Protein backbone atom coordinates (compact mmCIF):
# COMPACT_ATOMS: atom_id res chain seq x y z
CA UNK A 1 -3.78 -56.96 -113.52
CA UNK A 2 -2.05 -55.81 -110.54
CA UNK A 3 1.14 -54.14 -110.60
CA UNK A 4 4.03 -53.85 -108.27
CA UNK A 5 4.83 -50.93 -106.61
CA UNK A 6 8.67 -50.18 -106.89
CA UNK A 7 10.49 -49.83 -104.21
CA UNK A 8 12.89 -47.16 -103.84
CA UNK A 9 16.75 -48.29 -104.02
CA UNK A 10 18.30 -48.97 -100.82
CA UNK A 11 21.90 -46.78 -100.48
CA UNK A 12 24.88 -49.07 -100.98
CA UNK A 13 26.09 -49.23 -97.01
CA UNK A 14 29.13 -47.23 -96.19
CA UNK A 15 32.67 -49.25 -96.65
CA UNK A 16 33.99 -50.70 -93.64
CA UNK A 17 37.32 -48.27 -92.68
CA UNK A 18 40.64 -49.95 -92.92
CA UNK A 19 41.89 -50.36 -89.60
CA UNK A 20 44.96 -48.89 -89.23
CA UNK A 21 48.07 -50.10 -86.73
CA UNK A 22 46.24 -48.32 -83.45
CA UNK A 23 43.22 -50.21 -83.87
CA UNK A 24 44.60 -53.61 -84.89
CA UNK A 25 47.27 -52.65 -81.15
CA UNK A 26 44.46 -52.07 -78.95
CA UNK A 27 42.12 -54.35 -80.72
CA UNK A 28 44.72 -57.64 -79.90
CA UNK A 29 45.24 -55.71 -76.64
CA UNK A 30 41.53 -55.57 -75.69
CA UNK A 31 41.16 -58.58 -76.72
CA UNK A 32 44.21 -60.17 -75.20
CA UNK A 33 43.35 -58.42 -71.53
CA UNK A 34 40.02 -59.39 -72.01
CA UNK A 35 40.29 -63.08 -72.52
CA UNK A 36 43.01 -63.60 -69.51
CA UNK A 37 40.71 -61.62 -67.14
CA UNK A 38 37.45 -63.07 -67.84
CA UNK A 39 39.13 -67.19 -68.83
CA UNK A 40 41.81 -66.71 -65.85
CA UNK A 41 39.80 -66.08 -63.28
CA UNK A 42 37.27 -69.35 -64.40
CA UNK A 43 40.67 -71.74 -64.64
CA UNK A 44 41.38 -70.05 -61.25
CA UNK A 45 38.02 -70.77 -59.87
CA UNK A 46 38.44 -74.76 -61.84
CA UNK A 47 41.53 -75.76 -60.37
CA UNK A 48 39.78 -73.94 -56.68
CA UNK A 49 37.02 -76.64 -56.87
CA UNK A 50 39.57 -79.82 -57.95
CA UNK A 51 40.68 -81.69 -54.76
CA UNK A 52 44.74 -82.68 -55.30
CA UNK A 53 44.37 -86.83 -56.21
CA UNK A 54 45.89 -88.88 -53.65
CA UNK A 55 47.78 -90.95 -55.72
CA UNK A 56 48.77 -88.67 -58.63
CA UNK A 57 49.92 -85.50 -57.61
CA UNK A 58 52.97 -84.35 -58.83
CA UNK A 59 53.69 -82.89 -54.85
CA UNK A 60 55.68 -79.86 -55.23
CA UNK A 61 56.67 -79.55 -58.56
CA UNK A 62 52.96 -79.98 -59.80
CA UNK A 63 52.03 -76.99 -57.87
CA UNK A 64 55.58 -74.95 -58.63
CA UNK A 65 54.47 -75.14 -62.73
CA UNK A 66 50.72 -76.15 -62.60
CA UNK A 67 49.92 -71.73 -62.98
CA UNK A 68 52.61 -71.17 -65.50
CA UNK A 69 50.68 -74.41 -67.84
CA UNK A 70 47.54 -72.02 -66.90
CA UNK A 71 48.39 -69.11 -68.06
CA UNK A 72 49.56 -70.75 -71.16
CA UNK A 73 45.64 -72.94 -71.46
CA UNK A 74 44.22 -69.12 -70.78
CA UNK A 75 46.39 -67.79 -73.66
CA UNK A 76 45.35 -70.20 -76.31
CA UNK A 77 41.83 -69.99 -75.36
CA UNK A 78 41.45 -66.32 -75.70
CA UNK A 79 43.15 -66.54 -79.28
CA UNK A 80 40.80 -69.30 -80.27
CA UNK A 81 37.93 -67.19 -79.30
CA UNK A 82 39.20 -63.58 -79.65
CA UNK A 83 36.25 -63.38 -82.77
CA UNK A 84 33.24 -65.16 -80.90
CA UNK A 85 33.91 -63.45 -77.07
CA UNK A 86 36.49 -60.56 -77.44
CA UNK A 87 35.42 -59.07 -80.78
CA UNK A 88 31.95 -58.01 -79.41
CA UNK A 89 32.65 -56.49 -76.30
CA UNK A 90 35.73 -54.45 -78.53
CA UNK A 91 33.53 -53.22 -80.88
CA UNK A 92 31.22 -51.81 -78.17
CA UNK A 93 34.29 -50.84 -76.65
CA UNK A 94 34.53 -48.23 -80.07
CA UNK A 95 31.27 -47.24 -79.67
CA UNK A 96 31.34 -45.46 -76.94
CA UNK A 97 34.99 -44.03 -77.90
CA UNK A 98 33.29 -42.53 -80.88
């Protein structure tokens, strides 16, 4: 009869350190900067590639407030994708610092 070979016990993973308020603020600033920079450029390029419609353009008022609307959209997208977009970049950034 073949006996199974006992495997050595795996050491438990160390508990994740609790983030300090400074780490939380740093992460929030990083997420805001990375998201706003990337998605801001993306939104700007998108707006430049689309021509103004012939009949339904809001004129000067739309041109004035379009950038504010774009900024709010960029902030929303940045918040919604923080874990998948800026989170891994923040983790790599913190590894370089240690």
